[in-house]
């Protein structure tokens, strides 16, 4: 899954996404969704504490910190690292253009 991260706030948000909670807990995204659904299905007795907002799940930061027993590290190491984008591939037009010929190193017999 690719993430487009342009700005990482200095303080963690009050509501985390399931993807962010999975990164904090260092579990797979599937296990995170399974834990969130279990919490909703058992009315908060088991699973990862979450709230349903419209059609999305959000994990309150303070409940997640209680769940793990420690404050979360922010920004999430490895999650909020913004890698350099790979160099762009040349387009067909750029590939079809012949490179500039090297300057002549020998004098021409017939000047142009």
PDB file of N, CA and C in Angstrom:
ATOM      1  N   UNK A   1       0.843  -1.165   0.000  1.00  0.00           N
ATOM      2  CA  UNK A   1       0.000   0.000   0.000  1.00  0.00           C
ATOM      3  C   UNK A   1       0.893   1.235   0.000  1.00  0.00           C
ATOM      4  N   UNK A   2       0.572   2.169  -0.850  1.00  0.00           N
ATOM      5  CA  UNK A   2       1.366   3.382  -0.890  1.00  0.00           C
ATOM      6  C   UNK A   2       0.675   4.465  -0.088  1.00  0.00           C
ATOM      7  N   UNK A   3       1.479   5.261   0.539  1.00  0.00           N
ATOM      8  CA  UNK A   3       0.962   6.367   1.317  1.00  0.00           C
ATOM      9  C   UNK A   3       1.499   7.654   0.736  1.00  0.00           C
ATOM     10  N   UNK A   4       0.648   8.630   0.627  1.00  0.00           N
ATOM     11  CA  UNK A   4       1.097   9.947   0.196  1.00  0.00           C
ATOM     12  C   UNK A   4       1.157  10.830   1.423  1.00  0.00           C
ATOM     13  N   UNK A   5       2.352  11.038   1.893  1.00  0.00           N
ATOM     14  CA  UNK A   5       2.539  11.846   3.090  1.00  0.00           C
ATOM     15  C   UNK A   5       3.275  13.105   2.689  1.00  0.00           C
ATOM     16  N   UNK A   6       2.628  14.221   2.855  1.00  0.00           N
ATOM     17  CA  UNK A   6       3.273  15.481   2.546  1.00  0.00           C
ATOM     18  C   UNK A   6       3.581  16.261   3.808  1.00  0.00           C
ATOM     19  N   UNK A   7       2.795  16.008   4.864  1.00  0.00           N
ATOM     20  CA  UNK A   7       2.966  16.754   6.095  1.00  0.00           C
ATOM     21  C   UNK A   7       2.682  15.835   7.265  1.00  0.00           C
ATOM     22  N   UNK A   8       3.591  15.792   8.207  1.00  0.00           N
ATOM     23  CA  UNK A   8       3.404  14.991   9.412  1.00  0.00           C
ATOM     24  C   UNK A   8       3.320  15.960  10.583  1.00  0.00           C
ATOM     25  N   UNK A   9       2.175  16.002  11.288  1.00  0.00           N
ATOM     26  CA  UNK A   9       2.066  16.927  12.420  1.00  0.00           C
ATOM     27  C   UNK A   9       3.039  16.549  13.531  1.00  0.00           C
ATOM     28  N   UNK A  10       3.439  17.544  14.319  1.00  0.00           N
ATOM     29  CA  UNK A  10       4.387  17.295  15.410  1.00  0.00           C
ATOM     30  C   UNK A  10       3.744  16.511  16.538  1.00  0.00           C
ATOM     31  N   UNK A  11       2.471  16.734  16.790  1.00  0.00           N
ATOM     32  CA  UNK A  11       1.735  16.028  17.837  1.00  0.00           C
ATOM     33  C   UNK A  11       0.837  14.981  17.208  1.00  0.00           C
ATOM     34  N   UNK A  12       0.671  13.830  17.866  1.00  0.00           N
ATOM     35  CA  UNK A  12      -0.235  12.826  17.301  1.00  0.00           C
ATOM     36  C   UNK A  12      -1.678  13.311  17.323  1.00  0.00           C
ATOM     37  N   UNK A  13      -2.471  12.921  16.337  1.00  0.00           N
ATOM     38  CA  UNK A  13      -3.870  13.347  16.320  1.00  0.00           C
ATOM     39  C   UNK A  13      -4.671  12.641  17.406  1.00  0.00           C
ATOM     40  N   UNK A  14      -5.811  13.205  17.757  1.00  0.00           N
ATOM     41  CA  UNK A  14      -6.665  12.597  18.779  1.00  0.00           C
ATOM     42  C   UNK A  14      -7.295  11.303  18.286  1.00  0.00           C
ATOM     43  N   UNK A  15      -7.556  11.225  16.986  1.00  0.00           N
ATOM     44  CA  UNK A  15      -8.137  10.017  16.395  1.00  0.00           C
ATOM     45  C   UNK A  15      -7.172   9.477  15.348  1.00  0.00           C
ATOM     46  N   UNK A  16      -6.781   8.221  15.516  1.00  0.00           N
ATOM     47  CA  UNK A  16      -5.876   7.575  14.568  1.00  0.00           C
ATOM     48  C   UNK A  16      -6.667   6.698  13.609  1.00  0.00           C
ATOM     49  N   UNK A  17      -6.138   6.515  12.415  1.00  0.00           N
ATOM     50  CA  UNK A  17      -6.746   5.580  11.478  1.00  0.00           C
ATOM     51  C   UNK A  17      -6.323   4.165  11.861  1.00  0.00           C
ATOM     52  N   UNK A  18      -6.975   3.191  11.268  1.00  0.00           N
ATOM     53  CA  UNK A  18      -6.618   1.800  11.552  1.00  0.00           C
ATOM     54  C   UNK A  18      -5.210   1.512  11.029  1.00  0.00           C
ATOM     55  N   UNK A  19      -4.844   2.125   9.928  1.00  0.00           N
ATOM     56  CA  UNK A  19      -3.508   1.931   9.366  1.00  0.00           C
ATOM     57  C   UNK A  19      -2.448   2.457  10.335  1.00  0.00           C
ATOM     58  N   UNK A  20      -2.685   3.642  10.903  1.00  0.00           N
ATOM     59  CA  UNK A  20      -1.740   4.207  11.868  1.00  0.00           C
ATOM     60  C   UNK A  20      -1.682   3.367  13.139  1.00  0.00           C
ATOM     61  N   UNK A  21      -2.845   2.897  13.609  1.00  0.00           N
ATOM     62  CA  UNK A  21      -2.867   2.058  14.813  1.00  0.00           C
ATOM     63  C   UNK A  21      -2.127   0.748  14.566  1.00  0.00           C
ATOM     64  N   UNK A  22      -2.268   0.176  13.385  1.00  0.00           N
ATOM     65  CA  UNK A  22      -1.547  -1.059  13.050  1.00  0.00           C
ATOM     66  C   UNK A  22      -0.040  -0.810  13.062  1.00  0.00           C
ATOM     67  N   UNK A  23       0.375   0.358  12.577  1.00  0.00           N
ATOM     68  CA  UNK A  23       1.802   0.685  12.581  1.00  0.00           C
ATOM     69  C   UNK A  23       2.307   0.876  14.007  1.00  0.00           C
ATOM     70  N   UNK A  24       1.503   1.502  14.874  1.00  0.00           N
ATOM     71  CA  UNK A  24       1.895   1.691  16.268  1.00  0.00           C
ATOM     72  C   UNK A  24       2.021   0.341  16.959  1.00  0.00           C
ATOM     73  N   UNK A  25       1.052  -0.539  16.740  1.00  0.00           N
ATOM     74  CA  UNK A  25       1.042  -1.851  17.385  1.00  0.00           C
ATOM     75  C   UNK A  25       1.976  -2.847  16.698  1.00  0.00           C
ATOM     76  N   UNK A  26       2.486  -2.482  15.524  1.00  0.00           N
ATOM     77  CA  UNK A  26       3.358  -3.349  14.731  1.00  0.00           C
ATOM     78  C   UNK A  26       2.698  -4.685  14.415  1.00  0.00           C
ATOM     79  N   UNK A  27       1.460  -4.575  13.928  1.00  0.00           N
ATOM     80  CA  UNK A  27       0.720  -5.749  13.482  1.00  0.00           C
ATOM     81  C   UNK A  27       0.267  -5.500  12.051  1.00  0.00           C
ATOM     82  N   UNK A  28      -0.193  -6.560  11.402  1.00  0.00           N
ATOM     83  CA  UNK A  28      -0.646  -6.399  10.025  1.00  0.00           C
ATOM     84  C   UNK A  28      -1.960  -5.629   9.992  1.00  0.00           C
ATOM     85  N   UNK A  29      -2.256  -5.098   8.849  1.00  0.00           N
ATOM     86  CA  UNK A  29      -3.492  -4.339   8.683  1.00  0.00           C
ATOM     87  C   UNK A  29      -4.708  -5.234   8.851  1.00  0.00           C
ATOM     88  N   UNK A  30      -4.622  -6.466   8.382  1.00  0.00           N
ATOM     89  CA  UNK A  30      -5.733  -7.413   8.538  1.00  0.00           C
ATOM     90  C   UNK A  30      -6.023  -7.716   9.999  1.00  0.00           C
ATOM     91  N   UNK A  31      -4.967  -7.926  10.801  1.00  0.00           N
ATOM     92  CA  UNK A  31      -5.156  -8.184  12.229  1.00  0.00           C
ATOM     93  C   UNK A  31      -5.710  -6.955  12.938  1.00  0.00           C
ATOM     94  N   UNK A  32      -5.300  -5.774  12.495  1.00  0.00           N
ATOM     95  CA  UNK A  32      -5.810  -4.549  13.108  1.00  0.00           C
ATOM     96  C   UNK A  32      -7.314  -4.417  12.850  1.00  0.00           C
ATOM     97  N   UNK A  33      -7.745  -4.621  11.617  1.00  0.00           N
ATOM     98  CA  UNK A  33      -9.173  -4.548  11.309  1.00  0.00           C
ATOM     99  C   UNK A  33      -9.949  -5.629  12.052  1.00  0.00           C
ATOM    100  N   UNK A  34      -9.362  -6.818  12.176  1.00  0.00           N
ATOM    101  CA  UNK A  34     -10.020  -7.898  12.904  1.00  0.00           C
ATOM    102  C   UNK A  34     -10.204  -7.508  14.372  1.00  0.00           C
ATOM    103  N   UNK A  35      -9.174  -6.905  14.993  1.00  0.00           N
ATOM    104  CA  UNK A  35      -9.264  -6.465  16.382  1.00  0.00           C
ATOM    105  C   UNK A  35     -10.280  -5.354  16.574  1.00  0.00           C
ATOM    106  N   UNK A  36     -10.354  -4.436  15.613  1.00  0.00           N
ATOM    107  CA  UNK A  36     -11.316  -3.332  15.688  1.00  0.00           C
ATOM    108  C   UNK A  36     -12.742  -3.865  15.562  1.00  0.00           C
ATOM    109  N   UNK A  37     -12.958  -4.771  14.617  1.00  0.00           N
ATOM    110  CA  UNK A  37     -14.297  -5.347  14.446  1.00  0.00           C
ATOM    111  C   UNK A  37     -14.716  -6.159  15.667  1.00  0.00           C
ATOM    112  N   UNK A  38     -13.747  -6.829  16.283  1.00  0.00           N
ATOM    113  CA  UNK A  38     -14.034  -7.602  17.488  1.00  0.00           C
ATOM    114  C   UNK A  38     -14.439  -6.671  18.627  1.00  0.00           C
ATOM    115  N   UNK A  39     -13.793  -5.520  18.740  1.00  0.00           N
ATOM    116  CA  UNK A  39     -14.127  -4.544  19.774  1.00  0.00           C
ATOM    117  C   UNK A  39     -15.552  -4.036  19.582  1.00  0.00           C
ATOM    118  N   UNK A  40     -15.906  -3.731  18.349  1.00  0.00           N
ATOM    119  CA  UNK A  40     -17.255  -3.226  18.049  1.00  0.00           C
ATOM    120  C   UNK A  40     -18.289  -4.326  18.320  1.00  0.00           C
ATOM    121  N   UNK A  41     -17.986  -5.574  17.910  1.00  0.00           N
ATOM    122  CA  UNK A  41     -18.942  -6.679  18.063  1.00  0.00           C
ATOM    123  C   UNK A  41     -19.163  -7.065  19.522  1.00  0.00           C
ATOM    124  N   UNK A  42     -18.138  -6.946  20.369  1.00  0.00           N
ATOM    125  CA  UNK A  42     -18.259  -7.346  21.776  1.00  0.00           C
ATOM    126  C   UNK A  42     -18.589  -6.166  22.692  1.00  0.00           C
ATOM    127  N   UNK A  43     -18.961  -5.038  22.110  1.00  0.00           N
ATOM    128  CA  UNK A  43     -19.273  -3.822  22.871  1.00  0.00           C
ATOM    129  C   UNK A  43     -18.133  -3.401  23.793  1.00  0.00           C
ATOM    130  N   UNK A  44     -16.901  -3.519  23.292  1.00  0.00           N
ATOM    131  CA  UNK A  44     -15.745  -3.020  24.022  1.00  0.00           C
ATOM    132  C   UNK A  44     -15.116  -3.966  25.017  1.00  0.00           C
ATOM    133  N   UNK A  45     -15.500  -5.227  25.017  1.00  0.00           N
ATOM    134  CA  UNK A  45     -14.913  -6.165  25.978  1.00  0.00           C
ATOM    135  C   UNK A  45     -13.597  -6.750  25.484  1.00  0.00           C
ATOM    136  N   UNK A  46     -13.444  -6.909  24.181  1.00  0.00           N
ATOM    137  CA  UNK A  46     -12.236  -7.485  23.599  1.00  0.00           C
ATOM    138  C   UNK A  46     -11.860  -6.703  22.348  1.00  0.00           C
ATOM    139  N   UNK A  47     -10.596  -6.800  21.966  1.00  0.00           N
ATOM    140  CA  UNK A  47     -10.142  -6.205  20.716  1.00  0.00           C
ATOM    141  C   UNK A  47      -9.493  -4.848  20.902  1.00  0.00           C
ATOM    142  N   UNK A  48      -9.220  -4.215  19.785  1.00  0.00           N
ATOM    143  CA  UNK A  48      -8.571  -2.899  19.760  1.00  0.00           C
ATOM    144  C   UNK A  48      -9.646  -1.834  19.918  1.00  0.00           C
ATOM    145  N   UNK A  49      -9.496  -0.943  20.915  1.00  0.00           N
ATOM    146  CA  UNK A  49     -10.535   0.068  21.142  1.00  0.00           C
ATOM    147  C   UNK A  49     -10.697   0.994  19.940  1.00  0.00           C
ATOM    148  N   UNK A  50     -11.926   1.101  19.469  1.00  0.00           N
ATOM    149  CA  UNK A  50     -12.202   1.917  18.289  1.00  0.00           C
ATOM    150  C   UNK A  50     -13.613   2.462  18.353  1.00  0.00           C
ATOM    151  N   UNK A  51     -13.844   3.461  17.529  1.00  0.00           N
ATOM    152  CA  UNK A  51     -15.176   4.037  17.374  1.00  0.00           C
ATOM    153  C   UNK A  51     -15.486   4.086  15.893  1.00  0.00           C
ATOM    154  N   UNK A  52     -16.744   3.890  15.596  1.00  0.00           N
ATOM    155  CA  UNK A  52     -17.163   3.970  14.204  1.00  0.00           C
ATOM    156  C   UNK A  52     -17.682   5.381  13.953  1.00  0.00           C
ATOM    157  N   UNK A  53     -17.078   6.044  13.016  1.00  0.00           N
ATOM    158  CA  UNK A  53     -17.499   7.388  12.626  1.00  0.00           C
ATOM    159  C   UNK A  53     -17.923   7.293  11.169  1.00  0.00           C
ATOM    160  N   UNK A  54     -19.223   7.425  10.961  1.00  0.00           N
ATOM    161  CA  UNK A  54     -19.826   7.229   9.652  1.00  0.00           C
ATOM    162  C   UNK A  54     -19.517   5.802   9.197  1.00  0.00           C
ATOM    163  N   UNK A  55     -18.786   5.622   8.130  1.00  0.00           N
ATOM    164  CA  UNK A  55     -18.465   4.273   7.678  1.00  0.00           C
ATOM    165  C   UNK A  55     -17.003   3.916   7.929  1.00  0.00           C
ATOM    166  N   UNK A  56     -16.341   4.703   8.751  1.00  0.00           N
ATOM    167  CA  UNK A  56     -14.920   4.488   8.999  1.00  0.00           C
ATOM    168  C   UNK A  56     -14.671   4.202  10.468  1.00  0.00           C
ATOM    169  N   UNK A  57     -13.595   3.480  10.737  1.00  0.00           N
ATOM    170  CA  UNK A  57     -13.171   3.233  12.102  1.00  0.00           C
ATOM    171  C   UNK A  57     -12.084   4.234  12.467  1.00  0.00           C
ATOM    172  N   UNK A  58     -12.159   4.734  13.677  1.00  0.00           N
ATOM    173  CA  UNK A  58     -11.117   5.609  14.220  1.00  0.00           C
ATOM    174  C   UNK A  58     -10.775   5.123  15.609  1.00  0.00           C
ATOM    175  N   UNK A  59      -9.503   5.196  15.935  1.00  0.00           N
ATOM    176  CA  UNK A  59      -9.023   4.746  17.230  1.00  0.00           C
ATOM    177  C   UNK A  59      -8.625   5.973  18.039  1.00  0.00           C
ATOM    178  N   UNK A  60      -9.324   6.249  19.158  1.00  0.00           N
ATOM    179  CA  UNK A  60      -8.929   7.390  19.992  1.00  0.00           C
ATOM    180  C   UNK A  60      -7.538   7.151  20.577  1.00  0.00           C
ATOM    181  N   UNK A  61      -6.711   8.178  20.487  1.00  0.00           N
ATOM    182  CA  UNK A  61      -5.329   8.056  20.938  1.00  0.00           C
ATOM    183  C   UNK A  61      -5.251   7.663  22.404  1.00  0.00           C
ATOM    184  N   UNK A  62      -6.045   8.287  23.261  1.00  0.00           N
ATOM    185  CA  UNK A  62      -5.944   8.006  24.696  1.00  0.00           C
ATOM    186  C   UNK A  62      -6.352   6.567  25.009  1.00  0.00           C
ATOM    187  N   UNK A  63      -7.323   6.013  24.249  1.00  0.00           N
ATOM    188  CA  UNK A  63      -7.715   4.616  24.465  1.00  0.00           C
ATOM    189  C   UNK A  63      -6.632   3.657  23.973  1.00  0.00           C
ATOM    190  N   UNK A  64      -5.984   4.015  22.872  1.00  0.00           N
ATOM    191  CA  UNK A  64      -4.897   3.178  22.370  1.00  0.00           C
ATOM    192  C   UNK A  64      -3.716   3.193  23.343  1.00  0.00           C
ATOM    193  N   UNK A  65      -3.439   4.353  23.923  1.00  0.00           N
ATOM    194  CA  UNK A  65      -2.355   4.440  24.898  1.00  0.00           C
ATOM    195  C   UNK A  65      -2.678   3.627  26.154  1.00  0.00           C
ATOM    196  N   UNK A  66      -3.953   3.624  26.571  1.00  0.00           N
ATOM    197  CA  UNK A  66      -4.355   2.774  27.695  1.00  0.00           C
ATOM    198  C   UNK A  66      -4.231   1.301  27.322  1.00  0.00           C
ATOM    199  N   UNK A  67      -4.586   0.967  26.098  1.00  0.00           N
ATOM    200  CA  UNK A  67      -4.547  -0.417  25.618  1.00  0.00           C
ATOM    201  C   UNK A  67      -3.119  -0.965  25.642  1.00  0.00           C
ATOM    202  N   UNK A  68      -2.153  -0.143  25.181  1.00  0.00           N
ATOM    203  CA  UNK A  68      -0.773  -0.627  25.154  1.00  0.00           C
ATOM    204  C   UNK A  68      -0.027  -0.324  26.452  1.00  0.00           C
ATOM    205  N   UNK A  69      -0.580   0.559  27.277  1.00  0.00           N
ATOM    206  CA  UNK A  69       0.037   0.857  28.564  1.00  0.00           C
ATOM    207  C   UNK A  69       1.196   1.822  28.502  1.00  0.00           C
ATOM    208  N   UNK A  70       1.291   2.593  27.448  1.00  0.00           N
ATOM    209  CA  UNK A  70       2.378   3.562  27.295  1.00  0.00           C
ATOM    210  C   UNK A  70       1.967   4.598  26.255  1.00  0.00           C
ATOM    211  N   UNK A  71       2.593   5.770  26.293  1.00  0.00           N
ATOM    212  CA  UNK A  71       2.296   6.749  25.235  1.00  0.00           C
ATOM    213  C   UNK A  71       2.854   6.271  23.903  1.00  0.00           C
ATOM    214  N   UNK A  72       2.173   6.654  22.833  1.00  0.00           N
ATOM    215  CA  UNK A  72       2.640   6.231  21.511  1.00  0.00           C
ATOM    216  C   UNK A  72       3.791   7.128  21.067  1.00  0.00           C
ATOM    217  N   UNK A  73       4.659   6.562  20.261  1.00  0.00           N
ATOM    218  CA  UNK A  73       5.772   7.321  19.695  1.00  0.00           C
ATOM    219  C   UNK A  73       5.275   8.003  18.432  1.00  0.00           C
ATOM    220  N   UNK A  74       5.540   9.307  18.357  1.00  0.00           N
ATOM    221  CA  UNK A  74       5.096  10.057  17.186  1.00  0.00           C
ATOM    222  C   UNK A  74       6.213  10.927  16.697  1.00  0.00           C
ATOM    223  N   UNK A  75       6.501  10.995  15.433  1.00  0.00           N
ATOM    224  CA  UNK A  75       5.930  10.256  14.328  1.00  0.00           C
ATOM    225  C   UNK A  75       6.303   8.780  14.416  1.00  0.00           C
ATOM    226  N   UNK A  76       5.486   7.951  13.818  1.00  0.00           N
ATOM    227  CA  UNK A  76       5.663   6.505  13.912  1.00  0.00           C
ATOM    228  C   UNK A  76       6.913   6.125  13.115  1.00  0.00           C
ATOM    229  N   UNK A  77       7.913   5.514  13.783  1.00  0.00           N
ATOM    230  CA  UNK A  77       9.135   5.145  13.062  1.00  0.00           C
ATOM    231  C   UNK A  77       8.831   4.151  11.940  1.00  0.00           C
ATOM    232  N   UNK A  78       9.380   4.413  10.785  1.00  0.00           N
ATOM    233  CA  UNK A  78       9.170   3.537   9.638  1.00  0.00           C
ATOM    234  C   UNK A  78       7.884   3.804   8.891  1.00  0.00           C
ATOM    235  N   UNK A  79       6.923   4.420   9.538  1.00  0.00           N
ATOM    236  CA  UNK A  79       5.640   4.707   8.894  1.00  0.00           C
ATOM    237  C   UNK A  79       5.646   6.117   8.313  1.00  0.00           C
ATOM    238  N   UNK A  80       6.165   7.059   9.083  1.00  0.00           N
ATOM    239  CA  UNK A  80       6.181   8.440   8.628  1.00  0.00           C
ATOM    240  C   UNK A  80       7.486   8.835   7.951  1.00  0.00           C
ATOM    241  N   UNK A  81       8.356   7.864   7.706  1.00  0.00           N
ATOM    242  CA  UNK A  81       9.560   8.173   6.951  1.00  0.00           C
ATOM    243  C   UNK A  81       9.157   8.402   5.508  1.00  0.00           C
ATOM    244  N   UNK A  82       9.521   9.534   4.982  1.00  0.00           N
ATOM    245  CA  UNK A  82       9.137   9.878   3.617  1.00  0.00           C
ATOM    246  C   UNK A  82      10.324   9.558   2.714  1.00  0.00           C
ATOM    247  N   UNK A  83      10.242   8.480   1.935  1.00  0.00           N
ATOM    248  CA  UNK A  83      11.362   8.148   1.064  1.00  0.00           C
ATOM    249  C   UNK A  83      11.430   9.106  -0.117  1.00  0.00           C
ATOM    250  N   UNK A  84      12.614   9.227  -0.653  1.00  0.00           N
ATOM    251  CA  UNK A  84      12.778  10.031  -1.860  1.00  0.00           C
ATOM    252  C   UNK A  84      12.050   9.336  -2.997  1.00  0.00           C
ATOM    253  N   UNK A  85      11.330  10.096  -3.816  1.00  0.00           N
ATOM    254  CA  UNK A  85      10.637   9.444  -4.937  1.00  0.00           C
ATOM    255  C   UNK A  85      11.657   8.907  -5.934  1.00  0.00           C
ATOM    256  N   UNK A  86      11.349   7.795  -6.593  1.00  0.00           N
ATOM    257  CA  UNK A  86      12.293   7.268  -7.581  1.00  0.00           C
ATOM    258  C   UNK A  86      12.405   8.232  -8.748  1.00  0.00           C
ATOM    259  N   UNK A  87      13.547   8.216  -9.419  1.00  0.00           N
ATOM    260  CA  UNK A  87      13.682   9.128 -10.560  1.00  0.00           C
ATOM    261  C   UNK A  87      12.652   8.790 -11.634  1.00  0.00           C
ATOM    262  N   UNK A  88      12.159   9.818 -12.270  1.00  0.00           N
ATOM    263  CA  UNK A  88      11.126   9.629 -13.292  1.00  0.00           C
ATOM    264  C   UNK A  88      11.724   8.954 -14.518  1.00  0.00           C
ATOM    265  N   UNK A  89      10.964   8.030 -15.090  1.00  0.00           N
ATOM    266  CA  UNK A  89      11.416   7.373 -16.306  1.00  0.00           C
ATOM    267  C   UNK A  89      11.242   8.349 -17.469  1.00  0.00           C
ATOM    268  N   UNK A  90      12.169   8.306 -18.424  1.00  0.00           N
ATOM    269  CA  UNK A  90      12.002   9.202 -19.565  1.00  0.00           C
ATOM    270  C   UNK A  90      10.787   8.795 -20.389  1.00  0.00           C
ATOM    271  N   UNK A  91      10.128   9.784 -20.935  1.00  0.00           N
ATOM    272  CA  UNK A  91       8.963   9.517 -21.770  1.00  0.00           C
ATOM    273  C   UNK A  91       9.412   9.002 -23.138  1.00  0.00           C
ATOM    274  N   UNK A  92       8.456   8.526 -23.923  1.00  0.00           N
ATOM    275  CA  UNK A  92       8.801   8.033 -25.267  1.00  0.00           C
ATOM    276  C   UNK A  92       9.454   9.133 -26.092  1.00  0.00           C
ATOM    277  N   UNK A  93       8.931  10.331 -25.965  1.00  0.00           N
ATOM    278  CA  UNK A  93       9.486  11.444 -26.742  1.00  0.00           C
ATOM    279  C   UNK A  93      10.929  11.706 -26.334  1.00  0.00           C
ATOM    280  N   UNK A  94      11.182  11.655 -25.015  1.00  0.00           N
ATOM    281  CA  UNK A  94      12.547  11.894 -24.558  1.00  0.00           C
ATOM    282  C   UNK A  94      13.476  10.764 -25.003  1.00  0.00           C
ATOM    283  N   UNK A  95      12.966   9.522 -25.018  1.00  0.00           N
ATOM    284  CA  UNK A  95      13.800   8.402 -25.440  1.00  0.00           C
ATOM    285  C   UNK A  95      14.068   8.429 -26.937  1.00  0.00           C
ATOM    286  N   UNK A  96      13.101   8.931 -27.715  1.00  0.00           N
ATOM    287  CA  UNK A  96      13.273   8.908 -29.168  1.00  0.00           C
ATOM    288  C   UNK A  96      14.199  10.014 -29.653  1.00  0.00           C
ATOM    289  N   UNK A  97      14.360  11.064 -28.876  1.00  0.00           N
ATOM    290  CA  UNK A  97      15.273  12.134 -29.268  1.00  0.00           C
ATOM    291  C   UNK A  97      16.697  11.615 -29.194  1.00  0.00           C
ATOM    292  N   UNK A  98      17.419  11.894 -30.226  1.00  0.00           N
ATOM    293  CA  UNK A  98      18.812  11.455 -30.195  1.00  0.00           C
ATOM    294  C   UNK A  98      19.586  12.409 -29.290  1.00  0.00           C
ATOM    295  N   UNK A  99      20.552  11.865 -28.582  1.00  0.00           N
ATOM    296  CA  UNK A  99      21.329  12.749 -27.717  1.00  0.00           C
ATOM    297  C   UNK A  99      22.141  13.725 -28.549  1.00  0.00           C
ATOM    298  N   UNK A 100      22.511  14.800 -27.922  1.00  0.00           N
ATOM    299  CA  UNK A 100      23.325  15.810 -28.611  1.00  0.00           C
ATOM    300  C   UNK A 100      24.629  15.158 -29.053  1.00  0.00           C
ATOM    301  N   UNK A 101      25.004  15.375 -30.310  1.00  0.00           N
ATOM    302  CA  UNK A 101      26.273  14.785 -30.746  1.00  0.00           C
ATOM    303  C   UNK A 101      27.433  15.435 -29.998  1.00  0.00           C
ATOM    304  N   UNK A 102      28.461  14.660 -29.740  1.00  0.00           N
ATOM    305  CA  UNK A 102      29.600  15.254 -29.044  1.00  0.00           C
ATOM    306  C   UNK A 102      30.274  16.284 -29.935  1.00  0.00           C
ATOM    307  N   UNK A 103      30.876  17.267 -29.336  1.00  0.00           N
ATOM    308  CA  UNK A 103      31.544  18.273 -30.166  1.00  0.00           C
ATOM    309  C   UNK A 103      32.686  17.613 -30.952  1.00  0.00           C
ATOM    310  N   UNK A 104      32.878  18.117 -32.148  1.00  0.00           N
ATOM    311  CA  UNK A 104      33.925  17.541 -32.996  1.00  0.00           C
ATOM    312  C   UNK A 104      35.283  17.819 -32.378  1.00  0.00           C
ATOM    313  N   UNK A 105      36.042  16.779 -32.319  1.00  0.00           N
ATOM    314  CA  UNK A 105      37.376  16.946 -31.754  1.00  0.00           C
ATOM    315  C   UNK A 105      38.407  17.098 -32.859  1.00  0.00           C
ATOM    316  N   UNK A 106      38.032  16.679 -34.045  1.00  0.00           N
ATOM    317  CA  UNK A 106      38.975  16.822 -35.166  1.00  0.00           C
ATOM    318  C   UNK A 106      38.523  17.991 -36.036  1.00  0.00           C
ATOM    319  N   UNK A 107      39.453  18.701 -36.593  1.00  0.00           N
ATOM    320  CA  UNK A 107      39.053  19.808 -37.486  1.00  0.00           C
ATOM    321  C   UNK A 107      38.397  19.262 -38.750  1.00  0.00           C
ATOM    322  N   UNK A 108      37.415  19.988 -39.230  1.00  0.00           N
ATOM    323  CA  UNK A 108      36.724  19.570 -40.443  1.00  0.00           C
ATOM    324  C   UNK A 108      37.568  19.944 -41.676  1.00  0.00           C
ATOM    325  N   UNK A 109      37.495  19.054 -42.660  1.00  0.00           N
ATOM    326  CA  UNK A 109      38.218  19.342 -43.901  1.00  0.00           C
ATOM    327  C   UNK A 109      37.468  20.358 -44.741  1.00  0.00           C
ATOM    328  N   UNK A 110      36.139  20.263 -44.682  1.00  0.00           N
ATOM    329  CA  UNK A 110      35.310  21.192 -45.446  1.00  0.00           C
ATOM    330  C   UNK A 110      34.424  21.941 -44.463  1.00  0.00           C
ATOM    331  N   UNK A 111      34.709  23.187 -44.143  1.00  0.00           N
ATOM    332  CA  UNK A 111      33.882  23.902 -43.177  1.00  0.00           C
ATOM    333  C   UNK A 111      32.447  24.068 -43.696  1.00  0.00           C
ATOM    334  N   UNK A 112      31.540  24.171 -42.777  1.00  0.00           N
ATOM    335  CA  UNK A 112      30.116  24.329 -43.133  1.00  0.00           C
ATOM    336  C   UNK A 112      29.771  25.738 -43.393  1.00  0.00           C
TER     337      UNK A 112
END
